[in-house]
Protein backbone atom coordinates (compact mmCIF):
# COMPACT_ATOMS: atom_id res chain seq x y z
CA MET A 1 0.00 0.00 0.00
CA CYS A 2 1.29 3.48 -0.84
CA ALA A 3 2.20 5.75 2.04
CA GLY A 4 -0.51 8.27 2.88
CA THR A 5 -3.41 6.41 1.30
CA SER A 6 -4.58 4.25 4.17
CA LEU A 7 -8.14 4.89 5.27
CA ARG A 8 -7.03 6.10 8.70
CA LEU A 9 -4.58 8.63 7.28
CA LEU A 10 -7.18 9.99 4.85
CA VAL A 11 -9.79 10.35 7.59
CA ASP A 12 -7.26 12.24 9.72
CA LYS A 13 -6.32 14.45 6.75
CA TRP A 14 -9.82 15.31 5.53
CA LEU A 15 -11.94 15.27 8.70
CA MET A 16 -9.35 16.04 11.42
CA PRO A 17 -11.08 14.16 14.26
CA ASN A 18 -10.01 14.62 17.88
CA SER A 19 -11.24 13.59 21.31
CA SER A 20 -14.02 16.22 21.29
CA THR A 21 -15.08 15.46 17.67
CA PRO A 22 -14.95 11.70 17.25
CA ILE A 23 -15.67 10.02 13.92
CA ARG A 24 -18.58 7.72 13.06
CA VAL A 25 -18.89 5.18 10.30
CA ILE A 26 -22.26 6.02 8.77
CA ARG A 27 -22.37 3.54 5.91
CA PHE A 28 -20.16 0.97 4.20
CA GLY A 29 -20.52 -1.57 1.45
CA ARG A 30 -19.79 -2.27 -2.18
CA ILE A 31 -20.67 -0.42 -5.35
CA HIS A 32 -22.16 -2.62 -8.04
CA PRO A 33 -21.34 -4.03 -10.55
CA ASP A 34 -17.57 -4.17 -9.94
CA GLY A 35 -17.72 -4.53 -6.15
CA THR A 36 -15.60 -1.50 -5.24
CA ARG A 37 -15.62 -0.99 -1.47
CA PHE A 38 -16.72 2.31 0.03
CA VAL A 39 -17.19 3.78 3.48
CA ARG A 40 -18.97 6.98 4.56
CA ILE A 41 -17.44 8.57 7.64
CA ALA A 42 -18.79 11.58 9.52
CA VAL A 43 -17.59 13.90 12.24
CA LEU A 44 -19.92 16.11 14.30
CA ARG A 45 -18.66 19.62 14.97
CA LEU A 46 -20.21 22.74 16.47
CA GLU A 47 -20.77 24.02 12.91
CA GLY A 48 -22.61 20.82 11.99
CA SER A 49 -21.93 17.35 10.69
CA ILE A 50 -19.35 16.75 7.95
CA ALA A 51 -19.32 13.45 6.08
CA LEU A 52 -17.19 12.09 3.25
CA TYR A 53 -17.17 8.94 1.16
CA PHE A 54 -13.90 7.04 0.78
CA PHE A 55 -13.32 4.45 -1.97
CA ARG A 56 -10.89 1.54 -2.05
CA HIS A 57 -8.99 1.16 -5.31
CA ASP A 58 -7.71 -2.06 -6.88
CA ASP A 59 -4.19 -1.50 -5.52
CA GLY A 60 -5.55 -1.46 -1.94
CA THR A 61 -5.28 2.30 -1.42
CA TRP A 62 -8.15 4.54 -0.31
CA HIS A 63 -9.19 7.79 -2.03
CA VAL A 64 -11.98 10.37 -1.87
CA VAL A 65 -12.74 9.75 -5.55
CA PRO A 66 -14.05 6.43 -6.86
CA PRO A 67 -11.82 4.39 -9.15
CA ALA A 68 -12.25 4.85 -12.89
CA THR A 69 -14.84 2.55 -14.37
CA ARG A 70 -13.57 -0.19 -16.59
CA ARG A 71 -14.91 0.15 -20.07
CA PRO A 72 -14.97 -2.29 -22.94
CA ALA A 73 -12.12 -1.78 -25.35
CA ILE A 74 -11.74 -2.59 -29.01
CA ARG A 75 -8.31 -3.59 -30.20
CA VAL A 76 -7.08 -3.55 -33.75
CA TYR A 77 -4.41 -5.97 -34.87
CA ALA A 78 -2.49 -5.76 -38.12
CA ASN A 79 -3.12 -8.64 -40.48
CA THR A 80 0.27 -9.79 -41.71
CA GLY A 81 -0.99 -12.69 -43.76
């Protein structure tokens, strides 16, 4: 896993939780049809609740953007015969 892309590090970076503003996992699961994992994490502050979705990519790293969708591809091969 790449440094700085663990779920814990991203939550600390984006939501900055502390002892007076703990985090809560609101929702988790998989996105169909490819089964990409996601988690929605929230923190309650005096200004209100802030929540973000985090997505796990194929290489095992977590990001705030979902992985690119895989699309069908057409390949052309030269006919040498």
